[in-house]
Amino acid sequence: MLPDGPAQAGVFDLRAGTVAVTMKAEGARRELQPDSSDVVKAGRLSLFLIKRGDRLGIRLKDPRIRRARSSTAWTISLPARRTA
């Protein structure tokens, strides 16, 4: 569960090394580029696609978290899976 926004804001889809997102509010599917300025908004939260080595993840940033804390972002790893 995310700390802000709807219970299900959208869906990230990983296929053949490419990640796309479909947000419920927008309804359109769009590809995301890792480590770029592509951002997905869910309420006050910003979500970014990141790539570390051969792994992909979603970094979530919340502007209400104080910078004084040790971490202002969370990362969710995307599982590698095969699609036909």
N, C-alpha and C. Protein backbone atom coordinates (compact mmCIF):
# COMPACT_ATOMS: atom_id res chain seq x y z
N MET A 1 0.84 -1.18 0.00
CA MET A 1 0.00 0.00 0.00
C MET A 1 0.89 1.24 0.00
N LEU A 2 0.55 2.19 -0.83
CA LEU A 2 1.29 3.44 -0.91
C LEU A 2 0.77 4.43 0.13
N PRO A 3 1.63 5.34 0.60
CA PRO A 3 1.21 6.29 1.62
C PRO A 3 0.29 7.40 1.13
N ASP A 4 0.00 7.46 -0.18
CA ASP A 4 -0.91 8.48 -0.71
C ASP A 4 -1.47 7.99 -2.04
N GLY A 5 -2.56 8.59 -2.47
CA GLY A 5 -3.16 8.23 -3.75
C GLY A 5 -4.16 7.10 -3.60
N PRO A 6 -4.76 6.67 -4.72
CA PRO A 6 -5.77 5.61 -4.68
C PRO A 6 -5.17 4.26 -4.33
N ALA A 7 -6.02 3.32 -3.96
CA ALA A 7 -5.57 1.97 -3.60
C ALA A 7 -4.86 1.31 -4.77
N GLN A 8 -5.33 1.51 -5.99
CA GLN A 8 -4.64 1.03 -7.17
C GLN A 8 -4.59 2.17 -8.18
N ALA A 9 -3.42 2.77 -8.31
CA ALA A 9 -3.25 3.92 -9.20
C ALA A 9 -2.99 3.50 -10.63
N GLY A 10 -2.38 2.32 -10.82
CA GLY A 10 -2.05 1.88 -12.15
C GLY A 10 -1.28 0.58 -12.12
N VAL A 11 -0.74 0.20 -13.29
CA VAL A 11 -0.05 -1.07 -13.43
C VAL A 11 1.26 -0.85 -14.17
N PHE A 12 2.35 -1.42 -13.64
CA PHE A 12 3.63 -1.46 -14.33
C PHE A 12 3.72 -2.83 -15.01
N ASP A 13 4.17 -2.83 -16.26
CA ASP A 13 4.24 -4.06 -17.04
C ASP A 13 5.66 -4.22 -17.58
N LEU A 14 6.32 -5.32 -17.21
CA LEU A 14 7.68 -5.63 -17.66
C LEU A 14 7.62 -6.74 -18.70
N ARG A 15 8.05 -6.43 -19.92
CA ARG A 15 8.07 -7.41 -21.01
C ARG A 15 9.34 -7.22 -21.81
N ALA A 16 10.08 -8.30 -21.96
CA ALA A 16 11.30 -8.30 -22.77
C ALA A 16 12.23 -7.14 -22.42
N GLY A 17 12.36 -6.87 -21.13
CA GLY A 17 13.27 -5.83 -20.67
C GLY A 17 12.75 -4.41 -20.78
N THR A 18 11.52 -4.24 -21.25
CA THR A 18 10.91 -2.92 -21.39
C THR A 18 9.79 -2.78 -20.37
N VAL A 19 9.75 -1.62 -19.71
CA VAL A 19 8.72 -1.36 -18.70
C VAL A 19 7.76 -0.31 -19.23
N ALA A 20 6.47 -0.62 -19.12
CA ALA A 20 5.43 0.34 -19.49
C ALA A 20 4.50 0.50 -18.29
N VAL A 21 3.84 1.63 -18.23
CA VAL A 21 2.89 1.89 -17.15
C VAL A 21 1.57 2.31 -17.75
N THR A 22 0.50 1.85 -17.13
CA THR A 22 -0.85 2.30 -17.46
C THR A 22 -1.45 2.83 -16.18
N MET A 23 -1.69 4.13 -16.12
CA MET A 23 -2.28 4.75 -14.95
C MET A 23 -3.79 4.79 -15.15
N LYS A 24 -4.52 4.45 -14.10
CA LYS A 24 -5.99 4.42 -14.18
C LYS A 24 -6.56 5.78 -14.58
N ALA A 25 -6.01 6.86 -14.02
CA ALA A 25 -6.53 8.20 -14.30
C ALA A 25 -6.34 8.59 -15.76
N GLU A 26 -5.22 8.16 -16.37
CA GLU A 26 -4.93 8.53 -17.75
C GLU A 26 -5.50 7.51 -18.74
N GLY A 27 -5.42 6.23 -18.39
CA GLY A 27 -5.92 5.18 -19.26
C GLY A 27 -5.00 4.79 -20.39
N ALA A 28 -3.99 5.60 -20.67
CA ALA A 28 -3.08 5.31 -21.78
C ALA A 28 -1.84 4.59 -21.26
N ARG A 29 -1.31 3.69 -22.08
CA ARG A 29 -0.09 2.96 -21.75
C ARG A 29 1.09 3.72 -22.33
N ARG A 30 2.16 3.85 -21.54
CA ARG A 30 3.36 4.50 -22.05
C ARG A 30 4.60 3.80 -21.51
N GLU A 31 5.64 3.76 -22.34
CA GLU A 31 6.89 3.14 -21.94
C GLU A 31 7.69 4.11 -21.09
N LEU A 32 8.44 3.55 -20.16
CA LEU A 32 9.32 4.33 -19.30
C LEU A 32 10.77 3.98 -19.61
N GLN A 33 11.62 4.98 -19.56
CA GLN A 33 13.05 4.77 -19.75
C GLN A 33 13.72 4.79 -18.38
N PRO A 34 14.59 3.80 -18.09
CA PRO A 34 15.25 3.80 -16.79
C PRO A 34 16.22 4.97 -16.63
N ASP A 35 16.33 5.44 -15.40
CA ASP A 35 17.28 6.49 -15.03
C ASP A 35 17.13 7.74 -15.91
N SER A 36 15.89 8.09 -16.22
CA SER A 36 15.60 9.27 -17.03
C SER A 36 14.70 10.21 -16.24
N SER A 37 14.24 11.23 -16.89
CA SER A 37 13.34 12.18 -16.23
C SER A 37 11.88 11.74 -16.30
N ASP A 38 11.61 10.52 -16.85
CA ASP A 38 10.25 9.99 -16.87
C ASP A 38 9.76 9.84 -15.43
N VAL A 39 8.61 10.39 -15.14
CA VAL A 39 8.04 10.29 -13.80
C VAL A 39 6.58 9.90 -13.90
N VAL A 40 6.14 9.10 -12.95
CA VAL A 40 4.74 8.71 -12.84
C VAL A 40 4.25 9.28 -11.53
N LYS A 41 3.14 10.00 -11.56
CA LYS A 41 2.58 10.61 -10.34
C LYS A 41 1.40 9.79 -9.84
N ALA A 42 1.39 9.57 -8.52
CA ALA A 42 0.26 8.92 -7.85
C ALA A 42 0.01 9.72 -6.58
N GLY A 43 -0.99 10.59 -6.62
CA GLY A 43 -1.19 11.51 -5.50
C GLY A 43 0.02 12.41 -5.39
N ARG A 44 0.58 12.54 -4.20
CA ARG A 44 1.78 13.39 -4.00
C ARG A 44 3.06 12.63 -4.31
N LEU A 45 2.97 11.34 -4.61
CA LEU A 45 4.14 10.50 -4.81
C LEU A 45 4.64 10.58 -6.24
N SER A 46 5.95 10.45 -6.40
CA SER A 46 6.60 10.38 -7.71
C SER A 46 7.28 9.02 -7.82
N LEU A 47 7.07 8.35 -8.94
CA LEU A 47 7.67 7.04 -9.16
C LEU A 47 8.54 7.09 -10.41
N PHE A 48 9.75 6.54 -10.30
CA PHE A 48 10.73 6.57 -11.37
C PHE A 48 11.22 5.15 -11.64
N LEU A 49 11.47 4.81 -12.89
CA LEU A 49 12.07 3.53 -13.24
C LEU A 49 13.58 3.66 -13.12
N ILE A 50 14.20 2.73 -12.39
CA ILE A 50 15.66 2.74 -12.24
C ILE A 50 16.22 1.40 -12.70
N LYS A 51 17.48 1.43 -13.12
CA LYS A 51 18.17 0.21 -13.52
C LYS A 51 19.51 0.17 -12.80
N ARG A 52 19.77 -0.94 -12.13
CA ARG A 52 21.01 -1.16 -11.41
C ARG A 52 21.57 -2.50 -11.86
N GLY A 53 22.60 -2.45 -12.67
CA GLY A 53 23.12 -3.68 -13.27
C GLY A 53 22.09 -4.24 -14.22
N ASP A 54 21.70 -5.49 -14.01
CA ASP A 54 20.67 -6.08 -14.88
C ASP A 54 19.30 -6.09 -14.21
N ARG A 55 19.17 -5.36 -13.10
CA ARG A 55 17.91 -5.33 -12.35
C ARG A 55 17.17 -4.01 -12.57
N LEU A 56 15.86 -4.10 -12.66
CA LEU A 56 15.00 -2.93 -12.78
C LEU A 56 14.21 -2.75 -11.49
N GLY A 57 13.88 -1.52 -11.17
CA GLY A 57 13.08 -1.26 -9.99
C GLY A 57 12.31 0.04 -10.14
N ILE A 58 11.38 0.25 -9.23
CA ILE A 58 10.61 1.49 -9.19
C ILE A 58 11.03 2.24 -7.94
N ARG A 59 11.53 3.44 -8.09
CA ARG A 59 11.89 4.28 -6.95
C ARG A 59 10.72 5.21 -6.67
N LEU A 60 10.31 5.25 -5.43
CA LEU A 60 9.17 6.05 -5.00
C LEU A 60 9.68 7.18 -4.11
N LYS A 61 9.29 8.40 -4.43
CA LYS A 61 9.69 9.55 -3.62
C LYS A 61 8.45 10.25 -3.09
N ASP A 62 8.51 10.59 -1.81
CA ASP A 62 7.41 11.26 -1.12
C ASP A 62 7.92 12.61 -0.61
N PRO A 63 7.38 13.72 -1.11
CA PRO A 63 7.87 15.03 -0.70
C PRO A 63 7.60 15.37 0.76
N ARG A 64 6.72 14.63 1.41
CA ARG A 64 6.43 14.91 2.82
C ARG A 64 7.43 14.29 3.79
N ILE A 65 8.29 13.42 3.29
CA ILE A 65 9.32 12.84 4.14
C ILE A 65 10.43 13.88 4.31
N ARG A 66 10.79 14.13 5.53
CA ARG A 66 11.85 15.12 5.79
C ARG A 66 13.18 14.64 5.25
N ARG A 67 13.92 15.57 4.70
CA ARG A 67 15.25 15.23 4.19
C ARG A 67 16.20 14.86 5.32
N ALA A 68 15.88 15.22 6.53
CA ALA A 68 16.73 14.89 7.67
C ALA A 68 16.75 13.40 7.96
N ARG A 69 15.72 12.69 7.55
CA ARG A 69 15.70 11.24 7.76
C ARG A 69 16.75 10.59 6.86
N SER A 70 17.11 9.40 7.20
CA SER A 70 18.17 8.72 6.45
C SER A 70 17.76 8.37 5.02
N SER A 71 16.46 8.21 4.76
CA SER A 71 16.03 7.84 3.42
C SER A 71 14.75 8.59 3.06
N THR A 72 14.74 9.14 1.84
CA THR A 72 13.55 9.82 1.36
C THR A 72 12.91 9.05 0.21
N ALA A 73 13.42 7.86 -0.08
CA ALA A 73 12.89 7.10 -1.21
C ALA A 73 12.89 5.62 -0.88
N TRP A 74 12.00 4.91 -1.54
CA TRP A 74 11.94 3.45 -1.43
C TRP A 74 12.12 2.90 -2.83
N THR A 75 12.63 1.69 -2.92
CA THR A 75 12.77 1.04 -4.22
C THR A 75 12.05 -0.30 -4.19
N ILE A 76 11.26 -0.54 -5.21
CA ILE A 76 10.53 -1.79 -5.38
C ILE A 76 11.15 -2.51 -6.57
N SER A 77 11.69 -3.69 -6.37
CA SER A 77 12.30 -4.45 -7.48
C SER A 77 11.22 -5.05 -8.34
N LEU A 78 11.45 -5.00 -9.64
CA LEU A 78 10.54 -5.65 -10.59
C LEU A 78 11.07 -7.04 -10.86
N PRO A 79 10.27 -8.06 -10.68
CA PRO A 79 10.73 -9.43 -10.90
C PRO A 79 10.97 -9.68 -12.40
N ALA A 80 12.01 -10.43 -12.67
CA ALA A 80 12.25 -10.84 -14.07
C ALA A 80 11.26 -11.95 -14.39
N ARG A 81 10.58 -11.82 -15.51
CA ARG A 81 9.66 -12.88 -15.91
C ARG A 81 9.64 -12.96 -17.43
N ARG A 82 9.30 -14.11 -17.89
CA ARG A 82 9.26 -14.34 -19.33
C ARG A 82 7.84 -14.15 -19.83
N THR A 83 7.72 -13.55 -20.99
CA THR A 83 6.40 -13.42 -21.61
C THR A 83 6.47 -13.96 -23.02
N ALA A 84 5.40 -14.51 -23.44
CA ALA A 84 5.36 -15.10 -24.81
C ALA A 84 5.05 -14.06 -25.84
